[in-house]
Amino acid sequence: MAEMRRRRKMKVMVAMDDSECSFYALKWALDHVFVTPEMGTVLAEEPSSDEADMVVLVHVQQPFQHYAFPAGPGGSAVYATTSVVESVKKAQEENSTALMSRALQMCRTKPSIKAETLILEGDPKDRICNATEQMQMDLLVVGSRGLGTIKRAFLGSVSDYCAHHAKCPILIVRPPKETTATK
């Protein structure tokens, strides 16, 4: 007789940006984290939408700086006009919508999961860690661009920061070597 078991739903957050590394991390998570039951294993009952595994796709936009400091003598701040600010924000929203639409399309390959999107504004490192804690996620998945030690020290690394500050387990997915070698 087939084994009967009930599995607790997983709540997984996947950090998304416009890099192929984040999309690779999402694909890896969909293929390896959200595993369907083995042949011969029967769930006690079909999962309802409340009991289905959930993936939250999070994208953090950098806040738009309304001012710039020109180089050279004087050093006074230059402020962007309202129309420039609105134009930049609209472009950010369109970019975020396209990015999340592509990610949601990937999630549709797994009908056994429920996918949601979350678009935040601020420092990606802090906002992602705070969101995982507030939403009580079981796992955070982030892609890694494969920065070396020197670049990571100067540029910072979202995955490195989250590995040290997230309040849930974190999975850092590195792309295959051929993907990172071409960038």
N, C-alpha and C. Protein backbone atom coordinates (compact mmCIF):
# COMPACT_ATOMS: atom_id res chain seq x y z
N MET A 1 0.84 -1.18 0.00
CA MET A 1 0.00 0.00 0.00
C MET A 1 0.90 1.25 0.00
N ALA A 2 0.45 2.28 -0.67
CA ALA A 2 1.24 3.51 -0.78
C ALA A 2 1.29 4.23 0.55
N GLU A 3 2.41 4.85 0.79
CA GLU A 3 2.63 5.60 2.03
C GLU A 3 1.74 6.85 2.03
N MET A 4 1.08 7.11 3.16
CA MET A 4 0.23 8.29 3.30
C MET A 4 0.97 9.29 4.18
N ARG A 5 1.11 10.49 3.70
CA ARG A 5 1.78 11.50 4.52
C ARG A 5 1.28 12.88 4.19
N ARG A 6 1.36 13.76 5.15
CA ARG A 6 1.01 15.16 4.95
C ARG A 6 2.29 15.97 5.14
N ARG A 7 2.56 16.84 4.22
CA ARG A 7 3.77 17.63 4.25
C ARG A 7 3.40 19.08 4.55
N ARG A 8 4.19 19.72 5.39
CA ARG A 8 3.98 21.12 5.71
C ARG A 8 4.36 21.98 4.51
N LYS A 9 3.55 22.99 4.23
CA LYS A 9 3.85 23.85 3.08
C LYS A 9 5.12 24.65 3.34
N MET A 10 5.84 24.92 2.28
CA MET A 10 7.07 25.73 2.35
C MET A 10 6.74 27.15 1.92
N LYS A 11 7.34 28.11 2.59
CA LYS A 11 7.25 29.51 2.19
C LYS A 11 8.67 29.95 1.83
N VAL A 12 8.87 30.17 0.54
CA VAL A 12 10.21 30.48 0.03
C VAL A 12 10.18 31.85 -0.64
N MET A 13 11.16 32.68 -0.28
CA MET A 13 11.31 33.97 -0.95
C MET A 13 12.49 33.88 -1.90
N VAL A 14 12.29 34.36 -3.13
CA VAL A 14 13.36 34.39 -4.12
C VAL A 14 13.61 35.85 -4.49
N ALA A 15 14.82 36.32 -4.26
CA ALA A 15 15.19 37.69 -4.58
C ALA A 15 15.46 37.80 -6.08
N MET A 16 14.79 38.75 -6.71
CA MET A 16 14.90 38.93 -8.16
C MET A 16 15.45 40.31 -8.50
N ASP A 17 16.32 40.33 -9.50
CA ASP A 17 16.72 41.59 -10.13
C ASP A 17 16.78 41.31 -11.62
N ASP A 18 17.32 42.24 -12.39
CA ASP A 18 17.30 42.04 -13.83
C ASP A 18 18.48 41.21 -14.34
N SER A 19 19.22 40.57 -13.46
CA SER A 19 20.35 39.75 -13.89
C SER A 19 19.89 38.33 -14.22
N GLU A 20 20.61 37.70 -15.11
CA GLU A 20 20.31 36.30 -15.44
C GLU A 20 20.61 35.40 -14.26
N CYS A 21 21.49 35.82 -13.36
CA CYS A 21 21.81 35.02 -12.18
C CYS A 21 20.59 34.84 -11.29
N SER A 22 19.78 35.87 -11.15
CA SER A 22 18.59 35.73 -10.30
C SER A 22 17.55 34.83 -10.96
N PHE A 23 17.45 34.89 -12.27
CA PHE A 23 16.51 34.00 -12.97
C PHE A 23 17.01 32.55 -12.93
N TYR A 24 18.31 32.37 -12.97
CA TYR A 24 18.87 31.02 -12.82
C TYR A 24 18.56 30.49 -11.42
N ALA A 25 18.68 31.34 -10.40
CA ALA A 25 18.39 30.94 -9.02
C ALA A 25 16.91 30.55 -8.88
N LEU A 26 16.02 31.31 -9.52
CA LEU A 26 14.60 30.97 -9.48
C LEU A 26 14.35 29.62 -10.14
N LYS A 27 14.92 29.41 -11.32
CA LYS A 27 14.74 28.13 -12.01
C LYS A 27 15.29 26.98 -11.17
N TRP A 28 16.45 27.18 -10.56
CA TRP A 28 17.04 26.14 -9.73
C TRP A 28 16.12 25.82 -8.55
N ALA A 29 15.58 26.85 -7.92
CA ALA A 29 14.68 26.64 -6.78
C ALA A 29 13.42 25.90 -7.21
N LEU A 30 12.86 26.29 -8.34
CA LEU A 30 11.66 25.62 -8.84
C LEU A 30 11.93 24.15 -9.12
N ASP A 31 13.11 23.85 -9.63
CA ASP A 31 13.46 22.46 -9.99
C ASP A 31 13.90 21.62 -8.80
N HIS A 32 14.47 22.23 -7.77
CA HIS A 32 15.07 21.46 -6.68
C HIS A 32 14.43 21.64 -5.31
N VAL A 33 13.84 22.77 -5.04
CA VAL A 33 13.24 23.01 -3.73
C VAL A 33 11.79 22.53 -3.69
N PHE A 34 11.05 22.84 -4.75
CA PHE A 34 9.64 22.46 -4.82
C PHE A 34 9.52 21.14 -5.56
N VAL A 35 9.74 20.06 -4.82
CA VAL A 35 9.75 18.73 -5.41
C VAL A 35 8.37 18.12 -5.25
N THR A 36 7.86 17.54 -6.32
CA THR A 36 6.56 16.86 -6.26
C THR A 36 6.75 15.50 -5.62
N PRO A 37 5.70 14.93 -5.04
CA PRO A 37 5.82 13.63 -4.39
C PRO A 37 6.31 12.56 -5.36
N GLU A 38 7.05 11.61 -4.81
CA GLU A 38 7.57 10.51 -5.62
C GLU A 38 6.43 9.61 -6.07
N MET A 39 6.69 8.84 -7.10
CA MET A 39 5.71 7.87 -7.57
C MET A 39 5.40 6.91 -6.42
N GLY A 40 4.15 6.59 -6.24
CA GLY A 40 3.76 5.66 -5.18
C GLY A 40 3.49 6.34 -3.86
N THR A 41 3.86 7.63 -3.73
CA THR A 41 3.59 8.37 -2.50
C THR A 41 2.31 9.15 -2.71
N VAL A 42 1.39 9.03 -1.79
CA VAL A 42 0.11 9.71 -1.90
C VAL A 42 -0.02 10.69 -0.76
N LEU A 43 -0.36 11.92 -1.10
CA LEU A 43 -0.63 12.89 -0.05
C LEU A 43 -1.97 12.57 0.57
N ALA A 44 -2.15 12.90 1.84
CA ALA A 44 -3.39 12.60 2.53
C ALA A 44 -4.59 13.18 1.79
N GLU A 45 -4.43 14.32 1.18
CA GLU A 45 -5.47 14.93 0.38
C GLU A 45 -4.83 15.95 -0.55
N GLU A 46 -5.54 16.34 -1.58
CA GLU A 46 -5.02 17.34 -2.50
C GLU A 46 -4.82 18.66 -1.75
N PRO A 47 -3.68 19.31 -1.95
CA PRO A 47 -3.48 20.57 -1.22
C PRO A 47 -4.40 21.66 -1.74
N SER A 48 -5.01 22.40 -0.82
CA SER A 48 -5.81 23.55 -1.22
C SER A 48 -4.85 24.71 -1.46
N SER A 49 -5.38 25.82 -1.93
CA SER A 49 -4.49 26.96 -2.19
C SER A 49 -3.85 27.47 -0.91
N ASP A 50 -4.52 27.26 0.25
CA ASP A 50 -3.94 27.67 1.52
C ASP A 50 -2.83 26.73 1.97
N GLU A 51 -2.84 25.49 1.48
CA GLU A 51 -1.86 24.50 1.89
C GLU A 51 -0.76 24.31 0.86
N ALA A 52 -0.85 24.96 -0.29
CA ALA A 52 0.15 24.80 -1.34
C ALA A 52 1.44 25.51 -0.94
N ASP A 53 2.55 25.00 -1.47
CA ASP A 53 3.82 25.70 -1.27
C ASP A 53 3.70 27.09 -1.86
N MET A 54 4.40 28.05 -1.26
CA MET A 54 4.33 29.41 -1.74
C MET A 54 5.72 29.95 -2.02
N VAL A 55 5.84 30.62 -3.15
CA VAL A 55 7.06 31.33 -3.47
C VAL A 55 6.71 32.81 -3.58
N VAL A 56 7.49 33.62 -2.90
CA VAL A 56 7.32 35.08 -2.97
C VAL A 56 8.52 35.61 -3.74
N LEU A 57 8.23 36.23 -4.86
CA LEU A 57 9.27 36.83 -5.70
C LEU A 57 9.41 38.28 -5.25
N VAL A 58 10.57 38.64 -4.76
CA VAL A 58 10.78 39.99 -4.25
C VAL A 58 11.79 40.73 -5.12
N HIS A 59 11.43 41.96 -5.45
CA HIS A 59 12.33 42.83 -6.22
C HIS A 59 12.41 44.15 -5.47
N VAL A 60 13.63 44.64 -5.27
CA VAL A 60 13.83 45.89 -4.55
C VAL A 60 14.40 46.93 -5.50
N GLN A 61 13.66 48.02 -5.66
CA GLN A 61 14.11 49.13 -6.50
C GLN A 61 14.97 50.07 -5.66
N GLN A 62 16.02 50.54 -6.28
CA GLN A 62 16.82 51.57 -5.62
C GLN A 62 16.03 52.87 -5.63
N PRO A 63 15.99 53.59 -4.50
CA PRO A 63 15.27 54.86 -4.51
C PRO A 63 15.96 55.86 -5.43
N PHE A 64 15.15 56.65 -6.11
CA PHE A 64 15.68 57.65 -7.04
C PHE A 64 16.20 58.84 -6.26
N GLN A 65 17.45 59.22 -6.53
CA GLN A 65 18.03 60.39 -5.90
C GLN A 65 17.58 61.63 -6.67
N HIS A 66 16.89 62.53 -6.03
CA HIS A 66 16.35 63.72 -6.69
C HIS A 66 17.39 64.80 -6.94
N TYR A 67 18.61 64.54 -6.52
CA TYR A 67 19.63 65.57 -6.65
C TYR A 67 20.96 64.93 -7.05
N ALA A 68 21.85 65.76 -7.55
CA ALA A 68 23.20 65.31 -7.92
C ALA A 68 24.17 66.42 -7.55
N PHE A 69 25.38 66.03 -7.18
CA PHE A 69 26.42 67.00 -6.87
C PHE A 69 27.41 67.02 -8.02
N PRO A 70 27.46 68.11 -8.77
CA PRO A 70 28.40 68.16 -9.88
C PRO A 70 29.85 68.24 -9.39
N ALA A 71 30.74 67.69 -10.18
CA ALA A 71 32.16 67.77 -9.84
C ALA A 71 32.67 69.15 -10.20
N GLY A 72 33.66 69.59 -9.50
CA GLY A 72 34.26 70.87 -9.83
C GLY A 72 33.98 71.92 -8.77
N PRO A 73 34.44 73.14 -9.05
CA PRO A 73 34.27 74.21 -8.07
C PRO A 73 32.80 74.57 -7.88
N GLY A 74 32.48 75.04 -6.73
CA GLY A 74 31.09 75.43 -6.43
C GLY A 74 30.38 74.35 -5.65
N GLY A 75 30.34 73.16 -6.21
CA GLY A 75 29.78 71.99 -5.54
C GLY A 75 28.35 72.11 -5.06
N SER A 76 27.53 72.94 -5.71
CA SER A 76 26.14 73.03 -5.26
C SER A 76 25.31 71.89 -5.85
N ALA A 77 24.28 71.51 -5.15
CA ALA A 77 23.43 70.40 -5.58
C ALA A 77 22.51 70.84 -6.72
N VAL A 78 22.27 69.92 -7.63
CA VAL A 78 21.34 70.15 -8.73
C VAL A 78 20.17 69.21 -8.50
N TYR A 79 18.95 69.73 -8.48
CA TYR A 79 17.77 68.93 -8.22
C TYR A 79 17.04 68.61 -9.52
N ALA A 80 16.53 67.40 -9.62
CA ALA A 80 15.78 66.98 -10.80
C ALA A 80 14.40 67.62 -10.79
N THR A 81 13.90 67.92 -11.98
CA THR A 81 12.55 68.49 -12.08
C THR A 81 11.52 67.41 -11.80
N THR A 82 10.31 67.82 -11.51
CA THR A 82 9.22 66.89 -11.21
C THR A 82 8.97 65.95 -12.38
N SER A 83 9.05 66.46 -13.60
CA SER A 83 8.79 65.60 -14.77
C SER A 83 9.87 64.53 -14.91
N VAL A 84 11.11 64.86 -14.58
CA VAL A 84 12.20 63.88 -14.64
C VAL A 84 11.98 62.80 -13.58
N VAL A 85 11.62 63.21 -12.38
CA VAL A 85 11.37 62.26 -11.30
C VAL A 85 10.23 61.31 -11.68
N GLU A 86 9.14 61.86 -12.20
CA GLU A 86 8.00 61.03 -12.61
C GLU A 86 8.38 60.08 -13.73
N SER A 87 9.17 60.56 -14.67
CA SER A 87 9.60 59.73 -15.79
C SER A 87 10.47 58.57 -15.32
N VAL A 88 11.38 58.84 -14.41
CA VAL A 88 12.26 57.79 -13.88
C VAL A 88 11.45 56.77 -13.09
N LYS A 89 10.53 57.24 -12.25
CA LYS A 89 9.70 56.33 -11.46
C LYS A 89 8.84 55.45 -12.35
N LYS A 90 8.30 56.03 -13.42
CA LYS A 90 7.48 55.26 -14.35
C LYS A 90 8.33 54.19 -15.04
N ALA A 91 9.53 54.54 -15.43
CA ALA A 91 10.44 53.57 -16.06
C ALA A 91 10.80 52.45 -15.08
N GLN A 92 11.02 52.80 -13.81
CA GLN A 92 11.32 51.78 -12.79
C GLN A 92 10.13 50.84 -12.61
N GLU A 93 8.92 51.38 -12.56
CA GLU A 93 7.73 50.56 -12.41
C GLU A 93 7.55 49.61 -13.60
N GLU A 94 7.77 50.13 -14.81
CA GLU A 94 7.63 49.29 -16.00
C GLU A 94 8.68 48.18 -16.01
N ASN A 95 9.90 48.51 -15.61
CA ASN A 95 10.97 47.52 -15.54
C ASN A 95 10.63 46.44 -14.50
N SER A 96 10.15 46.86 -13.34
CA SER A 96 9.79 45.91 -12.29
C SER A 96 8.63 45.02 -12.72
N THR A 97 7.64 45.59 -13.39
CA THR A 97 6.49 44.82 -13.87
C THR A 97 6.93 43.78 -14.89
N ALA A 98 7.79 44.15 -15.82
CA ALA A 98 8.27 43.21 -16.84
C ALA A 98 9.10 42.10 -16.19
N LEU A 99 9.94 42.47 -15.24
CA LEU A 99 10.79 41.51 -14.55
C LEU A 99 9.93 40.49 -13.80
N MET A 100 8.95 40.98 -13.04
CA MET A 100 8.09 40.09 -12.26
C MET A 100 7.18 39.25 -13.16
N SER A 101 6.77 39.79 -14.26
CA SER A 101 5.95 39.02 -15.20
C SER A 101 6.74 37.83 -15.74
N ARG A 102 7.98 38.07 -16.09
CA ARG A 102 8.85 36.98 -16.58
C ARG A 102 9.05 35.92 -15.49
N ALA A 103 9.26 36.36 -14.24
CA ALA A 103 9.46 35.42 -13.13
C ALA A 103 8.18 34.63 -12.84
N LEU A 104 7.03 35.30 -12.86
CA LEU A 104 5.76 34.60 -12.64
C LEU A 104 5.50 33.56 -13.72
N GLN A 105 5.86 33.89 -14.95
CA GLN A 105 5.70 32.93 -16.06
C GLN A 105 6.51 31.66 -15.78
N MET A 106 7.70 31.82 -15.24
CA MET A 106 8.52 30.66 -14.89
C MET A 106 7.84 29.83 -13.79
N CYS A 107 7.20 30.50 -12.85
CA CYS A 107 6.55 29.80 -11.73
C CYS A 107 5.33 29.00 -12.19
N ARG A 108 4.73 29.40 -13.30
CA ARG A 108 3.55 28.69 -13.80
C ARG A 108 3.88 27.27 -14.27
N THR A 109 5.17 26.96 -14.43
CA THR A 109 5.55 25.60 -14.81
C THR A 109 5.35 24.63 -13.66
N LYS A 110 5.15 25.15 -12.46
CA LYS A 110 4.90 24.33 -11.26
C LYS A 110 3.50 24.65 -10.74
N PRO A 111 2.49 23.95 -11.23
CA PRO A 111 1.13 24.26 -10.78
C PRO A 111 0.88 23.96 -9.31
N SER A 112 1.78 23.23 -8.67
CA SER A 112 1.59 22.87 -7.27
C SER A 112 2.02 23.98 -6.31
N ILE A 113 2.53 25.10 -6.84
CA ILE A 113 2.93 26.20 -5.97
C ILE A 113 2.10 27.44 -6.25
N LYS A 114 2.00 28.25 -5.23
CA LYS A 114 1.32 29.54 -5.34
C LYS A 114 2.42 30.61 -5.38
N ALA A 115 2.37 31.48 -6.37
CA ALA A 115 3.40 32.51 -6.52
C ALA A 115 2.82 33.90 -6.29
N GLU A 116 3.56 34.72 -5.57
CA GLU A 116 3.19 36.11 -5.32
C GLU A 116 4.39 36.99 -5.60
N THR A 117 4.13 38.26 -5.89
CA THR A 117 5.23 39.20 -6.11
C THR A 117 5.19 40.28 -5.04
N LEU A 118 6.37 40.82 -4.78
CA LEU A 118 6.52 41.88 -3.81
C LEU A 118 7.58 42.84 -4.34
N ILE A 119 7.19 44.08 -4.57
CA ILE A 119 8.12 45.10 -5.06
C ILE A 119 8.31 46.12 -3.95
N LEU A 120 9.55 46.29 -3.54
CA LEU A 120 9.90 47.19 -2.45
C LEU A 120 10.85 48.27 -2.96
N GLU A 121 11.05 49.29 -2.15
CA GLU A 121 12.00 50.34 -2.49
C GLU A 121 12.96 50.53 -1.33
N GLY A 122 14.24 50.68 -1.66
CA GLY A 122 15.24 50.92 -0.63
C GLY A 122 16.51 50.15 -0.93
N ASP A 123 17.28 49.92 0.13
CA ASP A 123 18.51 49.15 0.00
C ASP A 123 18.14 47.67 -0.09
N PRO A 124 18.48 47.00 -1.19
CA PRO A 124 18.07 45.60 -1.37
C PRO A 124 18.47 44.69 -0.21
N LYS A 125 19.67 44.87 0.31
CA LYS A 125 20.14 43.99 1.38
C LYS A 125 19.23 44.05 2.60
N ASP A 126 18.95 45.24 3.05
CA ASP A 126 18.12 45.42 4.25
C ASP A 126 16.67 45.04 3.99
N ARG A 127 16.14 45.48 2.87
CA ARG A 127 14.72 45.23 2.58
C ARG A 127 14.42 43.74 2.43
N ILE A 128 15.32 42.99 1.79
CA ILE A 128 15.12 41.55 1.63
C ILE A 128 15.15 40.86 2.98
N CYS A 129 16.15 41.16 3.79
CA CYS A 129 16.25 40.54 5.12
C CYS A 129 15.04 40.88 5.98
N ASN A 130 14.60 42.12 5.95
CA ASN A 130 13.42 42.52 6.73
C ASN A 130 12.16 41.80 6.25
N ALA A 131 12.02 41.67 4.95
CA ALA A 131 10.83 41.01 4.39
C ALA A 131 10.78 39.53 4.77
N THR A 132 11.93 38.86 4.77
CA THR A 132 11.93 37.44 5.15
C THR A 132 11.51 37.28 6.60
N GLU A 133 11.95 38.20 7.44
CA GLU A 133 11.58 38.12 8.85
C GLU A 133 10.10 38.44 9.07
N GLN A 134 9.62 39.52 8.47
CA GLN A 134 8.24 39.94 8.65
C GLN A 134 7.25 38.90 8.10
N MET A 135 7.60 38.26 6.99
CA MET A 135 6.70 37.29 6.37
C MET A 135 6.94 35.87 6.87
N GLN A 136 7.88 35.71 7.80
CA GLN A 136 8.20 34.41 8.40
C GLN A 136 8.46 33.34 7.33
N MET A 137 9.41 33.64 6.46
CA MET A 137 9.75 32.72 5.37
C MET A 137 10.56 31.55 5.92
N ASP A 138 10.42 30.40 5.24
CA ASP A 138 11.17 29.21 5.61
C ASP A 138 12.55 29.19 4.96
N LEU A 139 12.68 29.87 3.82
CA LEU A 139 13.92 29.84 3.06
C LEU A 139 14.02 31.08 2.19
N LEU A 140 15.21 31.62 2.07
CA LEU A 140 15.50 32.72 1.15
C LEU A 140 16.45 32.20 0.09
N VAL A 141 16.10 32.42 -1.18
CA VAL A 141 16.95 32.00 -2.30
C VAL A 141 17.44 33.25 -3.00
N VAL A 142 18.75 33.37 -3.16
CA VAL A 142 19.33 34.49 -3.89
C VAL A 142 20.34 33.96 -4.89
N GLY A 143 20.47 34.67 -5.99
CA GLY A 143 21.48 34.34 -6.97
C GLY A 143 22.80 34.99 -6.60
N SER A 144 23.86 34.49 -7.17
CA SER A 144 25.17 35.05 -6.92
C SER A 144 25.82 35.35 -8.26
N ARG A 145 26.36 36.55 -8.37
CA ARG A 145 27.04 36.91 -9.61
C ARG A 145 28.45 36.35 -9.66
N GLY A 146 28.89 35.78 -8.57
CA GLY A 146 30.23 35.20 -8.54
C GLY A 146 31.32 36.24 -8.48
N LEU A 147 31.08 37.34 -7.76
CA LEU A 147 32.11 38.37 -7.60
C LEU A 147 33.29 37.80 -6.82
N GLY A 148 34.46 38.22 -7.18
CA GLY A 148 35.64 37.83 -6.42
C GLY A 148 35.69 38.58 -5.11
N THR A 149 36.67 38.25 -4.29
CA THR A 149 36.80 38.85 -2.96
C THR A 149 36.96 40.36 -3.04
N ILE A 150 37.78 40.84 -3.96
CA ILE A 150 38.04 42.28 -4.07
C ILE A 150 36.79 43.02 -4.51
N LYS A 151 36.14 42.55 -5.58
CA LYS A 151 34.93 43.22 -6.07
C LYS A 151 33.84 43.19 -5.01
N ARG A 152 33.69 42.07 -4.32
CA ARG A 152 32.66 41.95 -3.29
C ARG A 152 32.92 42.95 -2.16
N ALA A 153 34.19 43.17 -1.83
CA ALA A 153 34.54 44.12 -0.76
C ALA A 153 34.18 45.55 -1.15
N PHE A 154 34.40 45.90 -2.42
CA PHE A 154 34.12 47.27 -2.86
C PHE A 154 32.66 47.47 -3.24
N LEU A 155 32.08 46.53 -3.95
CA LEU A 155 30.72 46.68 -4.44
C LEU A 155 29.67 46.21 -3.44
N GLY A 156 30.06 45.37 -2.54
CA GLY A 156 29.09 44.78 -1.63
C GLY A 156 28.38 43.64 -2.33
N SER A 157 27.80 42.77 -1.57
CA SER A 157 27.13 41.62 -2.13
C SER A 157 25.84 41.39 -1.37
N VAL A 158 24.73 41.41 -2.09
CA VAL A 158 23.44 41.18 -1.45
C VAL A 158 23.42 39.78 -0.85
N SER A 159 23.91 38.79 -1.61
CA SER A 159 23.90 37.41 -1.11
C SER A 159 24.77 37.26 0.13
N ASP A 160 25.93 37.91 0.15
CA ASP A 160 26.82 37.83 1.31
C ASP A 160 26.17 38.47 2.53
N TYR A 161 25.58 39.63 2.35
CA TYR A 161 24.91 40.33 3.45
C TYR A 161 23.76 39.48 3.99
N CYS A 162 22.92 38.96 3.08
CA CYS A 162 21.77 38.16 3.51
C CYS A 162 22.21 36.89 4.22
N ALA A 163 23.33 36.30 3.78
CA ALA A 163 23.83 35.09 4.43
C ALA A 163 24.16 35.35 5.90
N HIS A 164 24.55 36.57 6.21
CA HIS A 164 24.92 36.90 7.59
C HIS A 164 23.80 37.54 8.41
N HIS A 165 22.76 38.06 7.74
CA HIS A 165 21.75 38.82 8.47
C HIS A 165 20.32 38.28 8.37
N ALA A 166 20.03 37.42 7.41
CA ALA A 166 18.66 36.89 7.27
C ALA A 166 18.32 36.01 8.48
N LYS A 167 17.07 36.06 8.90
CA LYS A 167 16.62 35.30 10.07
C LYS A 167 16.08 33.93 9.70
N CYS A 168 16.28 33.52 8.45
CA CYS A 168 15.85 32.20 8.01
C CYS A 168 17.01 31.57 7.23
N PRO A 169 16.94 30.28 6.97
CA PRO A 169 18.00 29.68 6.14
C PRO A 169 18.06 30.36 4.77
N ILE A 170 19.25 30.41 4.21
CA ILE A 170 19.44 31.05 2.90
C ILE A 170 20.17 30.10 1.97
N LEU A 171 19.71 30.09 0.74
CA LEU A 171 20.33 29.28 -0.31
C LEU A 171 20.89 30.23 -1.36
N ILE A 172 22.20 30.22 -1.54
CA ILE A 172 22.84 31.06 -2.55
C ILE A 172 23.14 30.17 -3.75
N VAL A 173 22.53 30.51 -4.88
CA VAL A 173 22.66 29.71 -6.09
C VAL A 173 23.64 30.38 -7.03
N ARG A 174 24.73 29.69 -7.29
CA ARG A 174 25.72 30.20 -8.24
C ARG A 174 25.41 29.65 -9.62
N PRO A 175 25.50 30.49 -10.65
CA PRO A 175 25.25 29.99 -12.01
C PRO A 175 26.40 29.11 -12.47
N PRO A 176 26.14 28.30 -13.49
CA PRO A 176 27.24 27.47 -14.04
C PRO A 176 28.38 28.35 -14.52
N LYS A 177 29.59 27.80 -14.55
CA LYS A 177 30.77 28.59 -14.92
C LYS A 177 30.66 29.27 -16.27
N GLU A 178 30.06 28.60 -17.27
CA GLU A 178 29.97 29.21 -18.60
C GLU A 178 29.11 30.46 -18.60
N THR A 179 28.14 30.59 -17.67
CA THR A 179 27.31 31.77 -17.58
C THR A 179 28.10 32.94 -17.01
N THR A 180 28.88 32.71 -15.95
CA THR A 180 29.62 33.79 -15.32
C THR A 180 30.85 34.19 -16.14
N ALA A 181 31.41 33.28 -16.90
CA ALA A 181 32.62 33.57 -17.66
C ALA A 181 32.36 34.55 -18.80
N THR A 182 31.10 34.57 -19.32
CA THR A 182 30.80 35.43 -20.45
C THR A 182 30.42 36.84 -20.04
N LYS A 183 30.28 37.11 -18.74
CA LYS A 183 29.84 38.45 -18.29
C LYS A 183 30.95 39.23 -17.69
